[in-house]
Amino acid sequence: MKELAFDTSAYNCIGVLLAIAARKLNTSYEMIGKGAWTFEFDQDEDGAIGERILVNHKIDPLSSLEKYHNLQVKRHAFEKETFTENIQFHLAKGTPIIINTDAYWCSWSMAYQKKYILHSFMVDDYIEETQEFNCVDPYITFDLIKTKLEDIELGIRDIMTVHLISKEIDKKELFYALKEDNDYIQDKSQLMFKSMHEFGKQIEFVDFENECQGNDETLFAVPLFSCFRNLMASRRNYSYVLKYLSEVLESPELVDISDTLFSLSRQWEILNSKLIISYKRNKRDLLNKISNEIYLISEKEKEMSNILNEFVQNELKCYK
């Protein structure tokens, strides 16, 4: 599989596959990131820092895909006896097929036979001669995956198919989707950015042994590192939401916010790399720098949220 012509780093596994499905059907998908710009941190609880952070908890990509784009997702129960026949039926119609599974049973995943983690991949073709499915899973690899039903059946939870439907894009509905996100951010603003400051302070004194226990060989599963990846992805995801809305709503004012959020996503990505280096090389002097950078990022995010709020309030009268 060739590298895709969109940024897979902005999405989780299901988000990547929904984007692929939309592109296969020649339509948009960017609103799957609605609600991505969030952050909550329980600063008063004890225990691992990574266990006390919430990011992406407001995202509902399936619902947003259907509500704001001309796509419909149908779920199908897994039945081994008819699985191959049904896959061939949908492939013949050009319908994107997503398999919801458990990464424990995906031989191409780092979680294979190690961790039970909900995961998804897409079936792209079926080779009758070898009874193999050609699958794609760009969240993990850009390589084409060849697998047989007997290798994946234990992990399969259900199947989703994605369908194009006749629906007009409603600009007013899109604006109010943005307003809903903005209202949430403004309502949580004081707590959101204050808790981000506190998060940065606590990072300076992080207990890596407590954060990483049981995951020394599988750092991808360490909640703290996952949170930094999610912070990167959520900001990048929402930057694409704003870029899409700037075009559909013909509002160039959103471009600067989108570009800044994308830049901030890069900074979260860099901080995650620095944090892992601090852990693996025992360079605790890096933690003070990381703490200070988190404060600066949070201040920039707060500034962008205020600019977004100003835009929404100014445009509101046009959509009433």
C-alpha atoms as a PDB file:
ATOM      1  CA  MET A   1       0.000   0.000   0.000  1.00  0.00           C
ATOM      2  CA  LYS A   2       1.375   3.398  -0.957  1.00  0.00           C
ATOM      3  CA  GLU A   3       1.491   6.215   1.576  1.00  0.00           C
ATOM      4  CA  LEU A   4      -1.883   7.893   1.686  1.00  0.00           C
ATOM      5  CA  ALA A   5      -2.515  11.405   0.416  1.00  0.00           C
ATOM      6  CA  PHE A   6      -3.765  12.617   3.782  1.00  0.00           C
ATOM      7  CA  ASP A   7      -2.308  12.933   7.266  1.00  0.00           C
ATOM      8  CA  THR A   8      -2.928   9.647   9.075  1.00  0.00           C
ATOM      9  CA  SER A   9      -1.194  10.940  12.226  1.00  0.00           C
ATOM     10  CA  ALA A  10      -4.214  13.119  13.009  1.00  0.00           C
ATOM     11  CA  TYR A  11      -6.552  10.181  13.584  1.00  0.00           C
ATOM     12  CA  ASN A  12      -6.915   6.981  15.552  1.00  0.00           C
ATOM     13  CA  CYS A  13      -7.345   3.684  13.716  1.00  0.00           C
ATOM     14  CA  ILE A  14     -11.083   4.086  13.047  1.00  0.00           C
ATOM     15  CA  GLY A  15     -10.627   7.717  12.023  1.00  0.00           C
ATOM     16  CA  VAL A  16      -7.980   6.761   9.458  1.00  0.00           C
ATOM     17  CA  LEU A  17     -10.242   4.089   7.980  1.00  0.00           C
ATOM     18  CA  LEU A  18     -13.293   6.382   7.825  1.00  0.00           C
ATOM     19  CA  ALA A  19     -11.141   8.922   5.984  1.00  0.00           C
ATOM     20  CA  ILE A  20     -10.015   6.235   3.527  1.00  0.00           C
ATOM     21  CA  ALA A  21     -13.623   5.131   3.024  1.00  0.00           C
ATOM     22  CA  ALA A  22     -14.725   8.712   2.320  1.00  0.00           C
ATOM     23  CA  ARG A  23     -11.898   9.217  -0.163  1.00  0.00           C
ATOM     24  CA  LYS A  24     -12.797   5.956  -1.907  1.00  0.00           C
ATOM     25  CA  LEU A  25     -16.327   7.358  -2.286  1.00  0.00           C
ATOM     26  CA  ASN A  26     -15.006  10.766  -3.404  1.00  0.00           C
ATOM     27  CA  THR A  27     -16.463  12.782  -0.555  1.00  0.00           C
ATOM     28  CA  SER A  28     -15.357  14.688   2.551  1.00  0.00           C
ATOM     29  CA  TYR A  29     -14.820  13.386   6.080  1.00  0.00           C
ATOM     30  CA  GLU A  30     -13.057  16.109   8.105  1.00  0.00           C
ATOM     31  CA  MET A  31     -15.876  16.667  10.601  1.00  0.00           C
ATOM     32  CA  ILE A  32     -15.029  13.303  12.187  1.00  0.00           C
ATOM     33  CA  GLY A  33     -12.704  15.456  14.297  1.00  0.00           C
ATOM     34  CA  LYS A  34     -15.536  17.468  15.815  1.00  0.00           C
ATOM     35  CA  GLY A  35     -14.953  17.762  19.563  1.00  0.00           C
ATOM     36  CA  ALA A  36     -11.246  16.903  19.355  1.00  0.00           C
ATOM     37  CA  TRP A  37      -9.931  20.091  20.995  1.00  0.00           C
ATOM     38  CA  THR A  38     -10.225  19.081  24.662  1.00  0.00           C
ATOM     39  CA  PHE A  39      -8.101  18.442  27.711  1.00  0.00           C
ATOM     40  CA  GLU A  40      -8.946  17.384  31.269  1.00  0.00           C
ATOM     41  CA  PHE A  41      -6.554  16.541  34.067  1.00  0.00           C
ATOM     42  CA  ASP A  42      -7.485  15.381  37.561  1.00  0.00           C
ATOM     43  CA  GLN A  43      -4.779  17.216  39.476  1.00  0.00           C
ATOM     44  CA  ASP A  44      -6.024  16.285  42.937  1.00  0.00           C
ATOM     45  CA  GLU A  45      -5.888  12.505  42.597  1.00  0.00           C
ATOM     46  CA  ASP A  46      -2.810  10.442  43.381  1.00  0.00           C
ATOM     47  CA  GLY A  47      -1.373   7.808  41.082  1.00  0.00           C
ATOM     48  CA  ALA A  48       0.063   7.781  37.581  1.00  0.00           C
ATOM     49  CA  ILE A  49      -0.248  11.062  35.676  1.00  0.00           C
ATOM     50  CA  GLY A  50      -1.167   9.245  32.481  1.00  0.00           C
ATOM     51  CA  GLU A  51      -4.172   7.675  34.178  1.00  0.00           C
ATOM     52  CA  ARG A  52      -5.592  11.088  35.098  1.00  0.00           C
ATOM     53  CA  ILE A  53      -5.711  12.731  31.673  1.00  0.00           C
ATOM     54  CA  LEU A  54      -8.667  12.837  29.298  1.00  0.00           C
ATOM     55  CA  VAL A  55      -8.145  13.732  25.639  1.00  0.00           C
ATOM     56  CA  ASN A  56     -10.446  12.926  22.690  1.00  0.00           C
ATOM     57  CA  HIS A  57     -13.324  12.004  25.016  1.00  0.00           C
ATOM     58  CA  LYS A  58     -15.722  14.302  23.131  1.00  0.00           C
ATOM     59  CA  ILE A  59     -15.054  12.758  19.719  1.00  0.00           C
ATOM     60  CA  ASP A  60     -17.724  10.585  18.087  1.00  0.00           C
ATOM     61  CA  PRO A  61     -16.394  10.033  14.541  1.00  0.00           C
ATOM     62  CA  LEU A  62     -19.154   7.689  13.362  1.00  0.00           C
ATOM     63  CA  SER A  63     -21.920  10.042  14.455  1.00  0.00           C
ATOM     64  CA  SER A  64     -20.143  13.105  13.039  1.00  0.00           C
ATOM     65  CA  LEU A  65     -19.469  11.355   9.728  1.00  0.00           C
ATOM     66  CA  GLU A  66     -23.169  10.643   9.260  1.00  0.00           C
ATOM     67  CA  LYS A  67     -24.420  13.987  10.603  1.00  0.00           C
ATOM     68  CA  TYR A  68     -22.111  16.355   8.730  1.00  0.00           C
ATOM     69  CA  HIS A  69     -21.177  14.399   5.601  1.00  0.00           C
ATOM     70  CA  ASN A  70     -23.144  12.476   2.984  1.00  0.00           C
ATOM     71  CA  LEU A  71     -22.135   9.078   4.336  1.00  0.00           C
ATOM     72  CA  GLN A  72     -23.848   6.308   6.263  1.00  0.00           C
ATOM     73  CA  VAL A  73     -22.212   3.527   8.273  1.00  0.00           C
ATOM     74  CA  LYS A  74     -23.952   0.155   8.632  1.00  0.00           C
ATOM     75  CA  ARG A  75     -22.934  -2.458  11.189  1.00  0.00           C
ATOM     76  CA  HIS A  76     -23.104  -6.184  10.517  1.00  0.00           C
ATOM     77  CA  ALA A  77     -22.737  -9.074  12.950  1.00  0.00           C
ATOM     78  CA  PHE A  78     -19.805 -11.414  12.357  1.00  0.00           C
ATOM     79  CA  GLU A  79     -20.914 -14.812  11.066  1.00  0.00           C
ATOM     80  CA  LYS A  80     -18.035 -17.061  10.086  1.00  0.00           C
ATOM     81  CA  GLU A  81     -20.092 -19.161   7.651  1.00  0.00           C
ATOM     82  CA  THR A  82     -21.091 -16.199   5.463  1.00  0.00           C
ATOM     83  CA  PHE A  83     -18.193 -13.812   6.157  1.00  0.00           C
ATOM     84  CA  THR A  84     -16.231 -14.427   2.934  1.00  0.00           C
ATOM     85  CA  GLU A  85     -19.353 -14.349   0.764  1.00  0.00           C
ATOM     86  CA  ASN A  86     -20.519 -11.076   2.306  1.00  0.00           C
ATOM     87  CA  ILE A  87     -17.077  -9.516   1.910  1.00  0.00           C
ATOM     88  CA  GLN A  88     -17.026 -10.454  -1.771  1.00  0.00           C
ATOM     89  CA  PHE A  89     -20.512  -8.976  -2.209  1.00  0.00           C
ATOM     90  CA  HIS A  90     -19.513  -5.598  -0.768  1.00  0.00           C
ATOM     91  CA  LEU A  91     -16.176  -5.546  -2.609  1.00  0.00           C
ATOM     92  CA  ALA A  92     -17.990  -6.118  -5.913  1.00  0.00           C
ATOM     93  CA  LYS A  93     -20.147  -3.035  -5.217  1.00  0.00           C
ATOM     94  CA  GLY A  94     -17.138  -0.897  -4.303  1.00  0.00           C
ATOM     95  CA  THR A  95     -18.324  -0.542  -0.716  1.00  0.00           C
ATOM     96  CA  PRO A  96     -15.585   0.183   1.850  1.00  0.00           C
ATOM     97  CA  ILE A  97     -15.432  -2.551   4.511  1.00  0.00           C
ATOM     98  CA  ILE A  98     -14.048  -2.019   8.005  1.00  0.00           C
ATOM     99  CA  ILE A  99     -13.398  -4.889  10.426  1.00  0.00           C
ATOM    100  CA  ASN A 100     -13.620  -4.071  14.126  1.00  0.00           C
ATOM    101  CA  THR A 101     -11.383  -6.464  16.008  1.00  0.00           C
ATOM    102  CA  ASP A 102      -8.889  -6.877  18.823  1.00  0.00           C
ATOM    103  CA  ALA A 103      -5.234  -6.054  18.164  1.00  0.00           C
ATOM    104  CA  TYR A 104      -4.281  -9.098  20.260  1.00  0.00           C
ATOM    105  CA  TRP A 105      -5.222 -11.184  17.211  1.00  0.00           C
ATOM    106  CA  CYS A 106      -3.621  -8.931  14.551  1.00  0.00           C
ATOM    107  CA  SER A 107      -0.260 -10.498  13.718  1.00  0.00           C
ATOM    108  CA  TRP A 108       1.000  -7.212  12.188  1.00  0.00           C
ATOM    109  CA  SER A 109       0.357  -5.244  15.415  1.00  0.00           C
ATOM    110  CA  MET A 110       2.825  -4.620  18.261  1.00  0.00           C
ATOM    111  CA  ALA A 111      -0.017  -5.685  20.569  1.00  0.00           C
ATOM    112  CA  TYR A 112      -0.211  -9.149  18.960  1.00  0.00           C
ATOM    113  CA  GLN A 113      -0.422 -11.801  21.673  1.00  0.00           C
ATOM    114  CA  LYS A 114       0.491  -9.101  24.246  1.00  0.00           C
ATOM    115  CA  LYS A 115      -2.341  -6.609  24.788  1.00  0.00           C
ATOM    116  CA  TYR A 116      -6.114  -6.678  24.306  1.00  0.00           C
ATOM    117  CA  ILE A 117      -6.816  -3.392  22.513  1.00  0.00           C
ATOM    118  CA  LEU A 118      -9.822  -2.564  20.354  1.00  0.00           C
ATOM    119  CA  HIS A 119      -8.657  -2.018  16.796  1.00  0.00           C
ATOM    120  CA  SER A 120      -9.921  -1.779  13.211  1.00  0.00           C
ATOM    121  CA  PHE A 121      -8.613  -2.484   9.722  1.00  0.00           C
ATOM    122  CA  MET A 122     -10.035  -2.465   6.194  1.00  0.00           C
ATOM    123  CA  VAL A 123     -10.519  -5.316   3.733  1.00  0.00           C
ATOM    124  CA  ASP A 124      -9.451  -4.186   0.263  1.00  0.00           C
ATOM    125  CA  ASP A 125      -9.633  -7.365  -1.793  1.00  0.00           C
ATOM    126  CA  TYR A 126     -10.144 -11.127  -1.659  1.00  0.00           C
ATOM    127  CA  ILE A 127      -7.917 -13.607  -3.542  1.00  0.00           C
ATOM    128  CA  GLU A 128     -10.012 -16.684  -4.233  1.00  0.00           C
ATOM    129  CA  GLU A 129      -7.079 -18.886  -5.302  1.00  0.00           C
ATOM    130  CA  THR A 130      -5.290 -18.529  -1.978  1.00  0.00           C
ATOM    131  CA  GLN A 131      -8.389 -17.674   0.150  1.00  0.00           C
ATOM    132  CA  GLU A 132      -6.537 -14.628   1.403  1.00  0.00           C
ATOM    133  CA  PHE A 133      -7.877 -11.179   2.225  1.00  0.00           C
ATOM    134  CA  ASN A 134      -5.812  -8.177   1.202  1.00  0.00           C
ATOM    135  CA  CYS A 135      -6.149  -5.724   4.086  1.00  0.00           C
ATOM    136  CA  VAL A 136      -4.947  -2.214   4.854  1.00  0.00           C
ATOM    137  CA  ASP A 137      -4.193  -0.820   8.284  1.00  0.00           C
ATOM    138  CA  PRO A 138      -2.262   2.465   7.813  1.00  0.00           C
ATOM    139  CA  TYR A 139      -2.583   3.306  11.500  1.00  0.00           C
ATOM    140  CA  ILE A 140       0.047   0.578  11.999  1.00  0.00           C
ATOM    141  CA  THR A 141       1.694  -0.003   8.614  1.00  0.00           C
ATOM    142  CA  PHE A 142       1.560   1.136   4.983  1.00  0.00           C
ATOM    143  CA  ASP A 143       2.392  -2.405   3.864  1.00  0.00           C
ATOM    144  CA  LEU A 144      -0.303  -4.529   2.266  1.00  0.00           C
ATOM    145  CA  ILE A 145      -1.482  -7.167   4.742  1.00  0.00           C
ATOM    146  CA  LYS A 146      -2.398 -10.639   3.510  1.00  0.00           C
ATOM    147  CA  THR A 147      -4.337 -12.773   5.956  1.00  0.00           C
ATOM    148  CA  LYS A 148      -6.793 -15.655   6.077  1.00  0.00           C
ATOM    149  CA  LEU A 149     -10.055 -15.833   7.984  1.00  0.00           C
ATOM    150  CA  GLU A 150      -8.659 -18.513  10.286  1.00  0.00           C
ATOM    151  CA  ASP A 151      -5.939 -16.062  11.403  1.00  0.00           C
ATOM    152  CA  ILE A 152      -8.276 -13.213  12.346  1.00  0.00           C
ATOM    153  CA  GLU A 153     -11.622 -14.779  13.218  1.00  0.00           C
ATOM    154  CA  LEU A 154     -11.018 -14.930  16.981  1.00  0.00           C
ATOM    155  CA  GLY A 155     -10.584 -11.168  17.161  1.00  0.00           C
ATOM    156  CA  ILE A 156     -13.459 -10.001  14.960  1.00  0.00           C
ATOM    157  CA  ARG A 157     -16.171  -8.098  16.857  1.00  0.00           C
ATOM    158  CA  ASP A 158     -18.297  -6.859  13.964  1.00  0.00           C
ATOM    159  CA  ILE A 159     -18.111  -5.441  10.445  1.00  0.00           C
ATOM    160  CA  MET A 160     -18.927  -1.950   9.197  1.00  0.00           C
ATOM    161  CA  THR A 161     -19.717  -0.889   5.642  1.00  0.00           C
ATOM    162  CA  VAL A 162     -19.648   2.742   4.524  1.00  0.00           C
ATOM    163  CA  HIS A 163     -22.183   4.022   1.991  1.00  0.00           C
ATOM    164  CA  LEU A 164     -22.652   7.224   0.024  1.00  0.00           C
ATOM    165  CA  ILE A 165     -26.102   8.792   0.486  1.00  0.00           C
ATOM    166  CA  SER A 166     -27.874  11.723  -1.119  1.00  0.00           C
ATOM    167  CA  LYS A 167     -27.541  14.653   1.269  1.00  0.00           C
ATOM    168  CA  GLU A 168     -26.861  18.360   0.920  1.00  0.00           C
ATOM    169  CA  ILE A 169     -24.144  19.871   3.099  1.00  0.00           C
ATOM    170  CA  ASP A 170     -25.898  22.379   5.393  1.00  0.00           C
ATOM    171  CA  LYS A 171     -23.634  25.369   6.122  1.00  0.00           C
ATOM    172  CA  LYS A 172     -25.785  26.463   9.051  1.00  0.00           C
ATOM    173  CA  GLU A 173     -25.546  23.012  10.609  1.00  0.00           C
ATOM    174  CA  LEU A 174     -21.767  23.065  10.181  1.00  0.00           C
ATOM    175  CA  PHE A 175     -21.491  26.496  11.782  1.00  0.00           C
ATOM    176  CA  TYR A 176     -23.541  25.356  14.782  1.00  0.00           C
ATOM    177  CA  ALA A 177     -21.315  22.284  15.079  1.00  0.00           C
ATOM    178  CA  LEU A 178     -18.390  24.695  15.386  1.00  0.00           C
ATOM    179  CA  LYS A 179     -20.358  26.828  17.839  1.00  0.00           C
ATOM    180  CA  GLU A 180     -21.090  23.761  19.973  1.00  0.00           C
ATOM    181  CA  ASP A 181     -17.366  22.971  20.172  1.00  0.00           C
ATOM    182  CA  ASN A 182     -16.545  26.600  20.899  1.00  0.00           C
ATOM    183  CA  ASP A 183     -19.173  26.801  23.654  1.00  0.00           C
ATOM    184  CA  TYR A 184     -17.714  23.700  25.291  1.00  0.00           C
ATOM    185  CA  ILE A 185     -14.172  25.081  25.128  1.00  0.00           C
ATOM    186  CA  GLN A 186     -15.275  28.438  26.543  1.00  0.00           C
ATOM    187  CA  ASP A 187     -17.276  26.770  29.303  1.00  0.00           C
ATOM    188  CA  LYS A 188     -14.262  24.636  30.263  1.00  0.00           C
ATOM    189  CA  SER A 189     -11.632  27.235  29.342  1.00  0.00           C
ATOM    190  CA  GLN A 190     -10.534  28.317  32.790  1.00  0.00           C
ATOM    191  CA  LEU A 191     -10.329  24.755  34.107  1.00  0.00           C
ATOM    192  CA  MET A 192      -8.924  23.357  30.853  1.00  0.00           C
ATOM    193  CA  PHE A 193      -5.883  25.594  30.633  1.00  0.00           C
ATOM    194  CA  LYS A 194      -5.347  25.847  34.370  1.00  0.00           C
ATOM    195  CA  SER A 195      -5.249  22.053  34.596  1.00  0.00           C
ATOM    196  CA  MET A 196      -2.852  21.984  31.632  1.00  0.00           C
ATOM    197  CA  HIS A 197      -0.536  24.252  33.635  1.00  0.00           C
ATOM    198  CA  GLU A 198      -0.778  21.870  36.585  1.00  0.00           C
ATOM    199  CA  PHE A 199      -0.173  18.913  34.290  1.00  0.00           C
ATOM    200  CA  GLY A 200       3.059  20.589  33.165  1.00  0.00           C
ATOM    201  CA  LYS A 201       4.145  21.182  36.761  1.00  0.00           C
ATOM    202  CA  GLN A 202       3.591  17.544  37.705  1.00  0.00           C
ATOM    203  CA  ILE A 203       5.500  16.305  34.628  1.00  0.00           C
ATOM    204  CA  GLU A 204       8.650  17.866  36.090  1.00  0.00           C
ATOM    205  CA  PHE A 205       8.491  15.386  38.977  1.00  0.00           C
ATOM    206  CA  VAL A 206       7.076  12.389  37.104  1.00  0.00           C
ATOM    207  CA  ASP A 207       7.740   8.937  38.547  1.00  0.00           C
ATOM    208  CA  PHE A 208       8.557   6.932  35.420  1.00  0.00           C
ATOM    209  CA  GLU A 209       8.609   3.647  37.302  1.00  0.00           C
ATOM    210  CA  ASN A 210       5.012   4.226  38.356  1.00  0.00           C
ATOM    211  CA  GLU A 211       3.959   5.411  34.879  1.00  0.00           C
ATOM    212  CA  CYS A 212       5.580   2.580  32.933  1.00  0.00           C
ATOM    213  CA  GLN A 213       5.092  -0.411  35.223  1.00  0.00           C
ATOM    214  CA  GLY A 214       4.582  -3.588  33.229  1.00  0.00           C
ATOM    215  CA  ASN A 215       5.122  -1.835  29.884  1.00  0.00           C
ATOM    216  CA  ASP A 216       8.908  -1.523  29.552  1.00  0.00           C
ATOM    217  CA  GLU A 217       8.869  -3.473  26.299  1.00  0.00           C
ATOM    218  CA  THR A 218       5.646  -1.944  24.963  1.00  0.00           C
ATOM    219  CA  LEU A 219       5.991   1.807  25.432  1.00  0.00           C
ATOM    220  CA  PHE A 220       3.060   2.413  23.080  1.00  0.00           C
ATOM    221  CA  ALA A 221       0.830   1.082  25.855  1.00  0.00           C
ATOM    222  CA  VAL A 222       2.133   3.459  28.555  1.00  0.00           C
ATOM    223  CA  PRO A 223      -0.811   5.812  29.297  1.00  0.00           C
ATOM    224  CA  LEU A 224       1.421   8.870  29.783  1.00  0.00           C
ATOM    225  CA  PHE A 225       3.085   8.524  26.369  1.00  0.00           C
ATOM    226  CA  SER A 226      -0.285   7.713  24.805  1.00  0.00           C
ATOM    227  CA  CYS A 227      -1.679  10.948  26.232  1.00  0.00           C
ATOM    228  CA  PHE A 228       1.043  13.009  24.564  1.00  0.00           C
ATOM    229  CA  ARG A 229       0.348  11.226  21.268  1.00  0.00           C
ATOM    230  CA  ASN A 230      -3.355  11.919  21.726  1.00  0.00           C
ATOM    231  CA  LEU A 231      -2.651  15.583  22.434  1.00  0.00           C
ATOM    232  CA  MET A 232      -0.695  15.749  19.187  1.00  0.00           C
ATOM    233  CA  ALA A 233      -3.386  13.932  17.203  1.00  0.00           C
ATOM    234  CA  SER A 234      -6.342  15.818  18.681  1.00  0.00           C
ATOM    235  CA  ARG A 235      -4.852  19.247  17.900  1.00  0.00           C
ATOM    236  CA  ARG A 236      -3.881  18.105  14.403  1.00  0.00           C
ATOM    237  CA  ASN A 237      -7.310  16.561  13.911  1.00  0.00           C
ATOM    238  CA  TYR A 238      -9.085  19.753  14.904  1.00  0.00           C
ATOM    239  CA  SER A 239      -6.795  21.857  12.724  1.00  0.00           C
ATOM    240  CA  TYR A 240      -8.215  19.897   9.765  1.00  0.00           C
ATOM    241  CA  VAL A 241     -11.769  20.485  11.014  1.00  0.00           C
ATOM    242  CA  LEU A 242     -11.100  24.232  11.013  1.00  0.00           C
ATOM    243  CA  LYS A 243      -9.399  24.123   7.626  1.00  0.00           C
ATOM    244  CA  TYR A 244     -12.394  22.283   6.151  1.00  0.00           C
ATOM    245  CA  LEU A 245     -14.844  24.747   7.731  1.00  0.00           C
ATOM    246  CA  SER A 246     -12.822  27.703   6.471  1.00  0.00           C
ATOM    247  CA  GLU A 247     -13.446  26.442   2.937  1.00  0.00           C
ATOM    248  CA  VAL A 248     -17.082  25.361   3.268  1.00  0.00           C
ATOM    249  CA  LEU A 249     -18.157  28.401   5.300  1.00  0.00           C
ATOM    250  CA  GLU A 250     -15.919  30.667   3.195  1.00  0.00           C
ATOM    251  CA  SER A 251     -14.299  31.971   6.378  1.00  0.00           C
ATOM    252  CA  PRO A 252     -10.559  32.574   5.866  1.00  0.00           C
ATOM    253  CA  GLU A 253     -10.347  33.791   9.484  1.00  0.00           C
ATOM    254  CA  LEU A 254     -10.287  30.142  10.568  1.00  0.00           C
ATOM    255  CA  VAL A 255      -7.126  29.384   8.581  1.00  0.00           C
ATOM    256  CA  ASP A 256      -4.768  31.086  11.042  1.00  0.00           C
ATOM    257  CA  ILE A 257      -6.270  29.174  13.972  1.00  0.00           C
ATOM    258  CA  SER A 258      -6.013  25.947  11.982  1.00  0.00           C
ATOM    259  CA  ASP A 259      -2.363  26.585  11.094  1.00  0.00           C
ATOM    260  CA  THR A 260      -1.487  27.467  14.699  1.00  0.00           C
ATOM    261  CA  LEU A 261      -3.178  24.337  16.079  1.00  0.00           C
ATOM    262  CA  PHE A 262      -1.253  22.252  13.569  1.00  0.00           C
ATOM    263  CA  SER A 263       1.985  23.891  14.712  1.00  0.00           C
ATOM    264  CA  LEU A 264       1.062  23.183  18.342  1.00  0.00           C
ATOM    265  CA  SER A 265       0.404  19.546  17.448  1.00  0.00           C
ATOM    266  CA  ARG A 266       4.009  19.327  16.253  1.00  0.00           C
ATOM    267  CA  GLN A 267       5.161  20.714  19.589  1.00  0.00           C
ATOM    268  CA  TRP A 268       3.174  18.071  21.503  1.00  0.00           C
ATOM    269  CA  GLU A 269       4.772  15.445  19.252  1.00  0.00           C
ATOM    270  CA  ILE A 270       8.264  16.752  20.007  1.00  0.00           C
ATOM    271  CA  LEU A 271       7.520  16.831  23.743  1.00  0.00           C
ATOM    272  CA  ASN A 272       6.498  13.180  23.630  1.00  0.00           C
ATOM    273  CA  SER A 273       9.838  12.298  22.023  1.00  0.00           C
ATOM    274  CA  LYS A 274      11.692  14.311  24.663  1.00  0.00           C
ATOM    275  CA  LEU A 275       9.721  12.601  27.433  1.00  0.00           C
ATOM    276  CA  ILE A 276      10.606   9.144  26.115  1.00  0.00           C
ATOM    277  CA  ILE A 277      14.270  10.179  25.839  1.00  0.00           C
ATOM    278  CA  SER A 278      14.156  11.434  29.430  1.00  0.00           C
ATOM    279  CA  TYR A 279      12.813   8.051  30.520  1.00  0.00           C
ATOM    280  CA  LYS A 280      15.053   5.771  28.450  1.00  0.00           C
ATOM    281  CA  ARG A 281      18.277   7.731  29.051  1.00  0.00           C
ATOM    282  CA  ASN A 282      17.434   8.842  32.584  1.00  0.00           C
ATOM    283  CA  LYS A 283      17.835  12.507  31.601  1.00  0.00           C
ATOM    284  CA  ARG A 284      15.658  14.121  34.234  1.00  0.00           C
ATOM    285  CA  ASP A 285      17.081  17.553  33.420  1.00  0.00           C
ATOM    286  CA  LEU A 286      14.818  17.494  30.332  1.00  0.00           C
ATOM    287  CA  LEU A 287      11.705  17.420  32.498  1.00  0.00           C
ATOM    288  CA  ASN A 288      11.989  21.054  33.586  1.00  0.00           C
ATOM    289  CA  LYS A 289      12.202  22.126  29.935  1.00  0.00           C
ATOM    290  CA  ILE A 290       9.211  19.959  29.040  1.00  0.00           C
ATOM    291  CA  SER A 291       7.254  21.451  31.935  1.00  0.00           C
ATOM    292  CA  ASN A 292       7.987  25.007  30.787  1.00  0.00           C
ATOM    293  CA  GLU A 293       7.084  24.190  27.181  1.00  0.00           C
ATOM    294  CA  ILE A 294       3.731  22.735  28.247  1.00  0.00           C
ATOM    295  CA  TYR A 295       2.963  26.054  29.958  1.00  0.00           C
ATOM    296  CA  LEU A 296       3.799  28.002  26.783  1.00  0.00           C
ATOM    297  CA  ILE A 297       1.712  25.657  24.616  1.00  0.00           C
ATOM    298  CA  SER A 298      -1.268  25.976  26.955  1.00  0.00           C
ATOM    299  CA  GLU A 299      -1.052  29.775  26.807  1.00  0.00           C
ATOM    300  CA  LYS A 300      -0.996  29.663  22.996  1.00  0.00           C
ATOM    301  CA  GLU A 301      -3.956  27.274  22.942  1.00  0.00           C
ATOM    302  CA  LYS A 302      -5.848  29.632  25.241  1.00  0.00           C
ATOM    303  CA  GLU A 303      -5.099  32.528  22.910  1.00  0.00           C
ATOM    304  CA  MET A 304      -6.377  30.540  19.903  1.00  0.00           C
ATOM    305  CA  SER A 305      -9.556  29.540  21.780  1.00  0.00           C
ATOM    306  CA  ASN A 306     -10.260  33.240  22.458  1.00  0.00           C
ATOM    307  CA  ILE A 307      -9.774  34.088  18.775  1.00  0.00           C
ATOM    308  CA  LEU A 308     -12.111  31.241  17.805  1.00  0.00           C
ATOM    309  CA  ASN A 309     -14.727  32.504  20.264  1.00  0.00           C
ATOM    310  CA  GLU A 310     -14.497  36.003  18.819  1.00  0.00           C
ATOM    311  CA  PHE A 311     -15.028  34.601  15.327  1.00  0.00           C
ATOM    312  CA  VAL A 312     -18.043  32.532  16.391  1.00  0.00           C
ATOM    313  CA  GLN A 313     -19.691  35.453  18.202  1.00  0.00           C
ATOM    314  CA  ASN A 314     -19.159  37.751  15.218  1.00  0.00           C
ATOM    315  CA  GLU A 315     -20.592  35.218  12.760  1.00  0.00           C
ATOM    316  CA  LEU A 316     -23.511  34.134  14.924  1.00  0.00           C
ATOM    317  CA  LYS A 317     -25.853  36.844  13.656  1.00  0.00           C
ATOM    318  CA  CYS A 318     -25.396  35.583  10.091  1.00  0.00           C
ATOM    319  CA  TYR A 319     -26.674  32.101  10.965  1.00  0.00           C
ATOM    320  CA  LYS A 320     -29.649  32.871  13.208  1.00  0.00           C
END
